Protein backbone atom coordinates (compact mmCIF):
# COMPACT_ATOMS: atom_id res chain seq x y z
CA UNK A 1 -0.07 -0.01 -0.04
CA UNK A 2 2.96 2.33 0.56
CA UNK A 3 4.09 1.78 -2.93
CA UNK A 4 0.62 2.18 -4.36
CA UNK A 5 0.26 5.55 -2.64
CA UNK A 6 3.74 6.59 -3.71
CA UNK A 7 3.10 5.65 -7.40
CA UNK A 8 -0.16 7.63 -7.60
CA UNK A 9 1.75 10.60 -6.17
CA UNK A 10 4.33 10.05 -9.04
CA UNK A 11 1.61 10.25 -11.62
CA UNK A 12 0.44 13.69 -10.38
CA UNK A 13 -2.37 12.61 -8.10
CA UNK A 14 -3.23 13.87 -4.65
CA UNK A 15 -3.36 10.85 -2.22
CA UNK A 16 -5.25 10.57 1.08
CA UNK A 17 -4.81 7.36 3.06
CA UNK A 18 -7.38 6.43 5.60
CA UNK A 19 -6.14 4.13 8.27
CA UNK A 20 -6.40 3.48 12.00
CA UNK A 21 -4.35 4.95 14.70
CA UNK A 22 -0.75 3.65 15.25
CA UNK A 23 -1.37 2.48 18.81
CA UNK A 24 -4.29 0.32 17.29
CA UNK A 25 -1.94 -1.34 14.98
CA UNK A 26 0.41 -1.93 17.72
CA UNK A 27 -2.30 -3.61 19.80
CA UNK A 28 -3.01 -5.90 16.88
CA UNK A 29 0.11 -7.10 15.05
CA UNK A 30 2.83 -4.43 15.83
CA UNK A 31 4.08 -1.82 13.41
CA UNK A 32 7.38 -1.02 11.77
CA UNK A 33 7.83 2.71 11.93
CA UNK A 34 10.73 2.70 9.59
CA UNK A 35 8.32 1.94 6.79
CA UNK A 36 6.65 5.38 7.33
CA UNK A 37 9.92 6.99 6.39
CA UNK A 38 9.46 5.74 2.76
CA UNK A 39 5.97 7.25 2.47
CA UNK A 40 6.03 10.23 0.15
CA UNK A 41 5.60 13.32 2.32
CA UNK A 42 2.85 14.60 -0.02
CA UNK A 43 0.60 11.72 1.06
CA UNK A 44 -2.06 12.89 3.54
CA UNK A 45 -2.73 10.36 6.25
CA UNK A 46 -5.94 10.34 8.20
CA UNK A 47 -5.99 8.07 11.28
CA UNK A 48 -9.33 7.02 12.67
CA UNK A 49 -9.84 6.23 16.33
CA UNK A 50 -10.66 2.56 15.63
CA UNK A 51 -9.40 -0.52 17.40
CA UNK A 52 -10.27 -4.16 18.13
CA UNK A 53 -11.95 -4.39 21.61
CA UNK A 54 -11.12 -8.09 21.83
CA UNK A 55 -7.42 -7.33 21.85
CA UNK A 56 -7.51 -5.09 24.92
CA UNK A 57 -5.34 -6.75 27.59
CA UNK A 58 -5.77 -4.14 30.50
CA UNK A 59 -8.39 -5.80 32.74
CA UNK A 60 -9.05 -2.50 34.38
CA UNK A 61 -10.79 -1.64 31.23
CA UNK A 62 -13.00 -4.64 31.10
CA UNK A 63 -16.72 -4.27 32.06
CA UNK A 64 -18.34 -6.73 34.45
CA UNK A 65 -19.72 -9.04 31.74
CA UNK A 66 -16.30 -9.44 30.08
CA UNK A 67 -14.53 -9.97 33.36
CA UNK A 68 -16.93 -12.70 34.66
CA UNK A 69 -17.24 -14.51 31.33
CA UNK A 70 -14.65 -13.55 28.81
CA UNK A 71 -15.50 -16.30 26.33
CA UNK A 72 -19.29 -15.40 26.32
CA UNK A 73 -18.30 -11.69 25.86
CA UNK A 74 -16.19 -12.42 22.78
CA UNK A 75 -19.02 -14.53 21.22
CA UNK A 76 -21.56 -11.72 21.77
CA UNK A 77 -19.03 -9.16 20.51
CA UNK A 78 -18.69 -11.17 17.30
CA UNK A 79 -22.37 -11.39 16.74
CA UNK A 80 -22.71 -7.60 17.17
CA UNK A 81 -19.90 -6.82 14.84
CA UNK A 82 -21.39 -8.96 12.13
CA UNK A 83 -24.76 -7.13 12.29
CA UNK A 84 -23.24 -4.05 10.67
CA UNK A 85 -21.08 -5.77 8.10
CA UNK A 86 -20.63 -9.50 7.81
CA UNK A 87 -16.97 -9.62 9.13
CA UNK A 88 -15.97 -10.66 12.59
CA UNK A 89 -13.70 -8.31 14.55
CA UNK A 90 -14.14 -5.30 12.07
CA UNK A 91 -17.80 -5.10 11.06
CA UNK A 92 -18.58 -2.27 13.54
CA UNK A 93 -16.00 -0.03 11.80
CA UNK A 94 -18.32 0.40 8.81
CA UNK A 95 -19.91 3.61 9.85
CA UNK A 96 -16.73 5.39 10.77
CA UNK A 97 -15.09 4.36 7.58
CA UNK A 98 -18.09 5.43 5.40
CA UNK A 99 -18.21 8.86 7.22
CA UNK A 100 -14.49 9.43 6.71
CA UNK A 101 -14.72 8.70 3.02
CA UNK A 102 -17.74 11.06 2.64
CA UNK A 103 -16.14 13.77 4.61
CA UNK A 104 -12.94 13.69 2.62
CA UNK A 105 -14.80 13.79 -0.60
CA UNK A 106 -16.84 16.84 0.42
CA UNK A 107 -13.68 18.63 1.44
CA UNK A 108 -11.68 17.65 -1.73
CA UNK A 109 -13.67 15.71 -4.25
CA UNK A 110 -12.21 12.35 -5.11
CA UNK A 111 -11.77 10.87 -8.60
CA UNK A 112 -10.98 7.25 -7.30
CA UNK A 113 -11.01 5.16 -4.14
CA UNK A 114 -8.85 2.15 -3.77
CA UNK A 115 -10.08 -0.18 -1.07
CA UNK A 116 -7.29 -2.42 0.20
CA UNK A 117 -8.44 -5.57 2.14
CA UNK A 118 -8.25 -6.93 4.85
CA UNK A 119 -10.32 -5.85 6.55
CA UNK A 120 -13.10 -6.27 4.07
CA UNK A 121 -15.22 -3.61 5.80
CA UNK A 122 -13.19 -1.15 3.73
CA UNK A 123 -15.42 -2.08 0.86
CA UNK A 124 -18.35 -0.60 2.60
CA UNK A 125 -16.67 2.73 2.43
CA UNK A 126 -16.06 2.23 -1.31
CA UNK A 127 -19.66 1.36 -1.78
CA UNK A 128 -21.00 4.26 0.16
CA UNK A 129 -18.94 6.78 -1.85
CA UNK A 130 -20.20 5.14 -4.98
CA UNK A 131 -23.75 5.31 -3.85
CA UNK A 132 -23.70 8.78 -2.62
CA UNK A 133 -21.35 10.47 -5.17
CA UNK A 134 -20.69 7.90 -7.96
CA UNK A 135 -16.93 8.00 -7.11
CA UNK A 136 -15.27 5.10 -9.08
CA UNK A 137 -13.37 2.56 -6.92
CA UNK A 138 -10.96 -0.20 -7.41
CA UNK A 139 -10.51 -3.28 -5.10
CA UNK A 140 -7.22 -4.58 -3.96
CA UNK A 141 -7.94 -8.00 -2.39
CA UNK A 142 -4.36 -9.11 -2.28
CA UNK A 143 -5.34 -12.72 -1.72
CA UNK A 144 -9.10 -13.04 -2.21
CA UNK A 145 -12.38 -12.95 -0.24
CA UNK A 146 -14.50 -15.84 -1.65
CA UNK A 147 -11.60 -18.30 -1.79
CA UNK A 148 -9.75 -19.78 1.29
CA UNK A 149 -6.33 -19.46 -0.06
CA UNK A 150 -4.90 -21.86 2.63
CA UNK A 151 -7.23 -24.69 1.99
CA UNK A 152 -7.89 -23.75 -1.60
CA UNK A 153 -11.64 -24.07 -1.26
CA UNK A 154 -14.62 -21.69 -1.65
CA UNK A 155 -14.76 -19.48 1.46
CA UNK A 156 -18.55 -18.77 1.02
CA UNK A 157 -21.24 -19.29 -1.57
CA UNK A 158 -22.51 -16.72 -4.00
CA UNK A 159 -25.99 -16.59 -2.46
CA UNK A 160 -24.62 -15.86 1.09
CA UNK A 161 -24.55 -12.41 2.63
CA UNK A 162 -20.78 -12.33 1.98
CA UNK A 163 -21.37 -13.55 -1.54
CA UNK A 164 -23.92 -10.88 -2.30
CA UNK A 165 -21.58 -8.15 -0.94
CA UNK A 166 -18.69 -9.47 -3.13
CA UNK A 167 -20.93 -9.65 -6.18
CA UNK A 168 -22.36 -6.15 -5.66
CA UNK A 169 -18.89 -4.66 -5.09
CA UNK A 170 -17.26 -6.36 -8.13
CA UNK A 171 -20.27 -5.47 -10.46
CA UNK A 172 -19.19 -1.79 -10.26
CA UNK A 173 -15.52 -1.87 -9.52
CA UNK A 174 -13.09 -0.40 -12.05
CA UNK A 175 -10.56 -3.18 -11.45
CA UNK A 176 -9.63 -5.91 -9.03
CA UNK A 177 -6.06 -6.61 -7.94
CA UNK A 178 -5.05 -10.03 -6.66
CA UNK A 179 -1.46 -11.43 -6.06
CA UNK A 180 -1.20 -14.43 -8.30
CA UNK A 181 -2.59 -16.17 -11.28
CA UNK A 182 -4.56 -18.99 -9.43
CA UNK A 183 -6.53 -16.35 -7.48
CA UNK A 184 -7.12 -14.46 -10.59
CA UNK A 185 -8.41 -17.66 -12.33
CA UNK A 186 -10.84 -18.17 -9.41
CA UNK A 187 -12.37 -14.69 -9.89
CA UNK A 188 -12.48 -14.93 -13.71
CA UNK A 189 -14.31 -18.20 -13.46
CA UNK A 190 -16.61 -17.02 -10.58
CA UNK A 191 -17.50 -13.76 -12.32
CA UNK A 192 -17.01 -14.30 -16.12
CA UNK A 193 -18.54 -10.93 -16.98
CA UNK A 194 -15.83 -9.20 -14.77
CA UNK A 195 -12.94 -11.28 -16.04
CA UNK A 196 -11.23 -8.62 -18.02
CA UNK A 197 -11.02 -6.36 -15.00
CA UNK A 198 -9.19 -8.82 -12.88
CA UNK A 199 -5.43 -7.98 -12.75
CA UNK A 200 -2.48 -9.84 -11.24
CA UNK A 201 -0.46 -7.35 -9.12
CA UNK A 202 2.25 -9.32 -7.38
CA UNK A 203 3.67 -8.15 -4.06
CA UNK A 204 7.27 -7.89 -5.25
CA UNK A 205 10.14 -6.67 -3.02
CA UNK A 206 11.85 -3.32 -2.24
CA UNK A 207 15.16 -2.94 -3.92
CA UNK A 208 16.73 -1.62 -0.74
CA UNK A 209 15.99 -4.92 1.02
CA UNK A 210 18.61 -6.71 -1.16
CA UNK A 211 22.25 -7.01 0.18
CA UNK A 212 23.28 -6.27 -3.39
CA UNK A 213 26.72 -7.94 -3.49
CA UNK A 214 28.33 -11.34 -3.88
CA UNK A 215 28.51 -13.39 -0.71
CA UNK A 216 31.52 -15.16 0.71
CA UNK A 217 30.67 -17.63 3.48
CA UNK A 218 33.09 -18.28 6.42
CA UNK A 219 33.13 -22.09 7.05
CA UNK A 220 35.36 -21.65 10.06
CA UNK A 221 32.84 -19.31 11.69
CA UNK A 222 29.89 -21.67 10.56
CA UNK A 223 27.34 -21.20 7.92
CA UNK A 224 24.29 -19.33 8.82
CA UNK A 225 20.82 -20.24 7.51
CA UNK A 226 18.01 -17.72 7.94
CA UNK A 227 14.18 -17.31 8.00
CA UNK A 228 12.76 -13.86 8.12
CA UNK A 229 8.96 -13.40 8.18
CA UNK A 230 5.94 -13.77 10.34
CA UNK A 231 5.71 -17.10 12.12
CA UNK A 232 2.25 -17.97 10.97
CA UNK A 233 2.65 -21.72 10.22
CA UNK A 234 1.65 -24.46 12.60
CA UNK A 235 3.80 -25.72 15.34
CA UNK A 236 3.92 -29.11 13.54
CA UNK A 237 5.29 -27.40 10.46
CA UNK A 238 7.99 -25.71 12.42
CA UNK A 239 8.94 -29.07 14.07
CA UNK A 240 9.21 -30.73 10.72
CA UNK A 241 11.66 -28.00 9.43
CA UNK A 242 13.71 -28.23 12.65
CA UNK A 243 13.84 -32.11 12.52
CA UNK A 244 15.27 -31.89 8.97
CA UNK A 245 17.66 -29.09 10.09
CA UNK A 246 18.85 -31.28 12.94
CA UNK A 247 19.35 -34.36 10.67
CA UNK A 248 21.26 -32.26 8.11
CA UNK A 249 23.69 -30.96 10.79
CA UNK A 250 24.24 -34.48 11.85
CA UNK A 251 24.91 -35.75 8.30
CA UNK A 252 26.81 -32.94 6.70
CA UNK A 253 30.17 -31.89 8.17
CA UNK A 254 29.88 -28.32 6.77
CA UNK A 255 26.74 -27.87 8.87
CA UNK A 256 28.11 -29.28 12.14
CA UNK A 257 28.71 -25.80 13.54
CA UNK A 258 25.99 -24.00 11.45
CA UNK A 259 23.35 -21.59 12.78
CA UNK A 260 19.70 -21.23 11.87
CA UNK A 261 18.36 -17.76 12.67
CA UNK A 262 14.62 -17.10 12.83
CA UNK A 263 13.50 -13.45 12.78
CA UNK A 264 9.88 -12.09 12.82
CA UNK A 265 6.67 -11.74 14.73
CA UNK A 266 5.24 -14.74 16.64
CA UNK A 267 1.53 -14.60 17.25
CA UNK A 268 -0.57 -11.38 17.58
CA UNK A 269 -2.44 -9.49 20.30
CA UNK A 270 -1.76 -10.68 23.84
CA UNK A 271 -0.39 -13.95 22.48
CA UNK A 272 2.64 -12.34 20.81
CA UNK A 273 5.75 -14.31 21.68
CA UNK A 274 3.95 -16.51 24.08
CA UNK A 275 3.11 -19.55 21.77
CA UNK A 276 4.09 -23.18 21.39
CA UNK A 277 6.39 -21.93 18.57
CA UNK A 278 8.45 -19.88 20.88
CA UNK A 279 8.89 -22.96 23.16
CA UNK A 280 9.92 -25.14 20.14
CA UNK A 281 12.52 -22.61 19.05
CA UNK A 282 13.85 -22.32 22.62
CA UNK A 283 14.18 -26.13 22.82
CA UNK A 284 16.10 -26.13 19.53
CA UNK A 285 18.88 -23.90 20.65
CA UNK A 286 21.10 -26.97 21.20
CA UNK A 287 20.87 -27.58 17.47
CA UNK A 288 22.21 -24.09 16.60
CA UNK A 289 18.68 -22.58 16.34
CA UNK A 290 18.40 -18.92 17.47
CA UNK A 291 15.24 -16.75 17.58
CA UNK A 292 16.06 -13.03 17.27
CA UNK A 293 12.57 -11.48 17.33
CA UNK A 294 11.03 -9.06 14.86
CA UNK A 295 13.27 -6.92 12.50
CA UNK A 296 12.52 -3.50 11.12
CA UNK A 297 12.55 -2.79 7.52
CA UNK A 298 15.70 -0.63 7.86
CA UNK A 299 17.47 -3.84 9.17
CA UNK A 300 16.51 -6.28 6.45
CA UNK A 301 19.45 -5.83 3.96
CA UNK A 302 21.98 -6.04 6.76
CA UNK A 303 20.36 -9.15 8.16
CA UNK A 304 20.42 -10.88 4.72
CA UNK A 305 24.04 -9.85 4.22
CA UNK A 306 25.00 -11.94 7.27
CA UNK A 307 23.24 -15.16 6.17
CA UNK A 308 24.64 -17.81 3.75
CA UNK A 309 21.27 -19.44 2.91
CA UNK A 310 17.62 -18.76 3.16
CA UNK A 311 14.75 -21.04 4.48
CA UNK A 312 11.43 -20.22 2.99
CA UNK A 313 8.72 -21.60 5.36
CA UNK A 314 5.27 -20.96 4.01
CA UNK A 315 1.67 -22.03 4.62
CA UNK A 316 -0.95 -22.83 2.07
CA UNK A 317 -0.57 -24.20 -1.47
CA UNK A 318 -1.15 -23.13 -5.07
CA UNK A 319 -3.26 -20.03 -4.08
CA UNK A 320 -0.58 -18.60 -1.79
CA UNK A 321 2.57 -16.86 -2.98
CA UNK A 322 3.88 -14.82 0.00
CA UNK A 323 5.75 -11.61 -0.30
CA UNK A 324 8.92 -12.98 1.10
CA UNK A 325 9.74 -15.16 -1.86
CA UNK A 326 10.60 -12.14 -3.91
CA UNK A 327 12.77 -10.74 -1.23
CA UNK A 328 14.48 -14.04 -0.60
CA UNK A 329 15.35 -14.37 -4.39
CA UNK A 330 16.86 -10.86 -4.33
CA UNK A 331 19.42 -11.96 -1.74
CA UNK A 332 21.16 -14.10 -4.43
CA UNK A 333 21.59 -16.84 -1.78
CA UNK A 334 20.60 -20.48 -1.86
CA UNK A 335 16.91 -21.11 -1.01
CA UNK A 336 15.57 -24.12 0.78
CA UNK A 337 11.77 -24.42 0.34
CA UNK A 338 9.84 -25.66 3.29
CA UNK A 339 6.30 -25.69 1.91
CA UNK A 340 4.13 -28.03 -0.09
CA UNK A 341 5.19 -28.84 -3.67
CA UNK A 342 1.99 -27.37 -5.34
CA UNK A 343 2.60 -23.89 -4.02
CA UNK A 344 2.68 -20.70 -6.02
CA UNK A 345 6.05 -19.72 -4.51
CA UNK A 346 7.30 -22.74 -6.55
CA UNK A 347 6.16 -21.12 -9.76
CA UNK A 348 7.98 -17.80 -8.90
CA UNK A 349 11.09 -19.68 -7.87
CA UNK A 350 11.26 -21.84 -11.10
CA UNK A 351 14.38 -20.74 -12.88
CA UNK A 352 16.22 -19.48 -9.82
CA UNK A 353 19.64 -21.11 -10.12
CA UNK A 354 20.26 -21.47 -6.38
CA UNK A 355 16.83 -22.91 -5.45
CA UNK A 356 17.04 -26.37 -4.00
CA UNK A 357 13.54 -27.27 -5.39
CA UNK A 358 10.09 -27.95 -4.07
CA UNK A 359 10.45 -31.09 -1.97
CA UNK A 360 7.27 -30.88 0.17
CA UNK A 361 7.21 -31.32 3.95
CA UNK A 362 8.99 -34.67 4.02
CA UNK A 363 11.79 -34.53 6.61
CA UNK A 364 14.15 -36.60 4.64
CA UNK A 365 13.71 -34.66 1.37
CA UNK A 366 14.02 -31.44 3.32
CA UNK A 367 17.30 -32.69 4.96
CA UNK A 368 18.80 -33.29 1.59
CA UNK A 369 17.71 -29.78 0.63
CA UNK A 370 19.59 -28.36 3.52
CA UNK A 371 22.64 -30.28 2.67
CA UNK A 372 22.49 -29.18 -0.98
CA UNK A 373 22.05 -25.49 0.04
CA UNK A 374 25.13 -25.69 2.27
CA UNK A 375 27.27 -26.83 -0.83
CA UNK A 376 25.63 -24.14 -2.89
CA UNK A 377 26.56 -21.57 -0.41
CA UNK A 378 30.18 -22.61 -0.48
CA UNK A 379 30.70 -23.48 -4.21
CA UNK A 380 28.61 -20.82 -5.92
CA UNK A 381 30.56 -18.46 -8.09
CA UNK A 382 30.06 -14.77 -8.29
CA UNK A 383 28.50 -15.20 -11.72
CA UNK A 384 25.89 -17.60 -10.35
CA UNK A 385 25.16 -15.30 -7.51
CA UNK A 386 24.64 -12.40 -10.02
CA UNK A 387 22.32 -14.63 -12.14
CA UNK A 388 20.25 -15.53 -9.04
CA UNK A 389 19.84 -11.79 -8.17
CA UNK A 390 18.91 -10.95 -11.86
CA UNK A 391 16.14 -13.53 -11.57
CA UNK A 392 14.57 -11.45 -8.97
CA UNK A 393 15.00 -8.06 -10.83
CA UNK A 394 11.70 -8.48 -12.61
CA UNK A 395 9.88 -8.32 -9.16
CA UNK A 396 10.95 -5.06 -7.79
CA UNK A 397 7.93 -3.51 -6.03
CA UNK A 398 8.54 -0.16 -7.65
CA UNK A 399 8.46 -1.44 -11.16
CA UNK A 400 5.46 -3.69 -10.59
CA UNK A 401 3.28 -0.92 -8.84
CA UNK A 402 4.29 1.69 -11.53
CA UNK A 403 2.83 -0.55 -14.20
CA UNK A 404 -0.24 -1.50 -12.12
CA UNK A 405 -1.10 2.07 -11.20
CA UNK A 406 -0.60 3.20 -14.76
CA UNK A 407 -2.94 0.51 -16.06
CA UNK A 408 -5.54 1.27 -13.50
CA UNK A 409 -5.56 5.01 -14.35
CA UNK A 410 -5.75 4.12 -18.05
CA UNK A 411 -8.76 1.85 -17.31
CA UNK A 412 -10.41 4.52 -15.28
CA UNK A 413 -9.91 6.93 -18.18
CA UNK A 414 -11.51 4.40 -20.53
CA UNK A 415 -14.52 3.76 -18.16
CA UNK A 416 -14.86 7.47 -17.49
CA UNK A 417 -14.20 9.32 -20.78
CA UNK A 418 -14.41 12.74 -19.19
CA UNK A 419 -11.51 11.94 -16.87
CA UNK A 420 -7.94 12.86 -18.03
CA UNK A 421 -5.80 10.07 -19.40
CA UNK A 422 -2.42 9.36 -17.76
CA UNK A 423 -0.91 10.25 -21.11
CA UNK A 424 -1.82 13.79 -20.45
CA UNK A 425 -0.33 13.71 -16.98
CA UNK A 426 1.46 17.07 -17.57
CA UNK A 427 -1.95 18.72 -17.58
CA UNK A 428 -3.45 16.67 -14.76
CA UNK A 429 -5.48 18.78 -12.33
CA UNK A 430 -5.45 18.11 -8.66
CA UNK A 431 -6.93 14.70 -7.96
CA UNK A 432 -7.31 12.60 -4.85
CA UNK A 433 -7.30 8.94 -4.04
CA UNK A 434 -8.68 7.59 -0.78
CA UNK A 435 -7.13 4.26 0.06
CA UNK A 436 -8.10 2.03 2.91
CA UNK A 437 -5.36 0.11 4.76
CA UNK A 438 -2.46 0.71 6.97
CA UNK A 439 -0.32 3.75 6.18
CA UNK A 440 2.74 1.77 7.19
């Protein structure tokens, strides 16, 4: 979303971002304030006083009903939230989001609203502005709403309340952005009349996240493998990866003194850092496993520069890509895949010269992958390293979003002939875009 806003600024548009307060993000998943430094200063950010009641951990703020029966309180909260908009945790935000969109439009008329999900209640604001003022809108689902990208199944039927909302929204949307081809295929098949408006806009990576130089491992100090990303996979998945790591260290002399560093958030809300995953990582310290906690965006390139190989641990299958796969490729380091074979990340990695291949979640096959990655880390030439980095060049976030925003504006111009085409950007009047989603 940061790059989306920046690219609209670059095309001559005014941009207003509607989001929630920073302390609300902190309560939920945590925030990385270094990302805000990369937001163009011309972007106007409006923070709404919205937060998730269920994530409050200060018991002094609990009412009597919650204090006496917290489980019942949460159940009743979910029901109440869904009465306004069919989305647990966020449904009650609808009125505030709608009002914010209308207020912004009255003050400075908008030409386009981009609704970024999740939460999907952002769509209500897009619909309200369309109903009241016929302001065109585009939808950025990233993953998708009517498909469970983890299980690869339909999330809800077309005749459900959720289905009717999705149909209504997409019937009038200028465009729909999703992150990969399998999700795009789902929407094109589900809404054939809308098929030509479905656009694959991959996540990509920020160029400044890449170490950008050839890497020379130090065998005496020990090879270092790394995982950087949210720990959102199951405890069993993590145990499988660590079992393979342990077996590889026992088998391969080059890995005898190797380290496996894990960086990222574990859990959310009150459960952050206090999960079975944290216990598993602690228990694995004897095997050279070290958990270093979350990392800020400003640290990423430096962290990658210290590592000798990457471990890509991902949930889901063919409908999941992940944003990290692009960043991992851009390190130019060997990559061990710790995900199912039929995963969209496999499609992205195909052709990467230092990828050990999709071997699934079999401990023995993954053990072989760790061993192979160790040899690649030591034996790879500077030329092969450069080739690996070049494979990722096509996925820089700036280049991907430049094209996506350009196409969206062109489509808007085609659908709304009275609007100025991007080709005439030098004569563009002031315009504004209201985009739902985190400013960071």
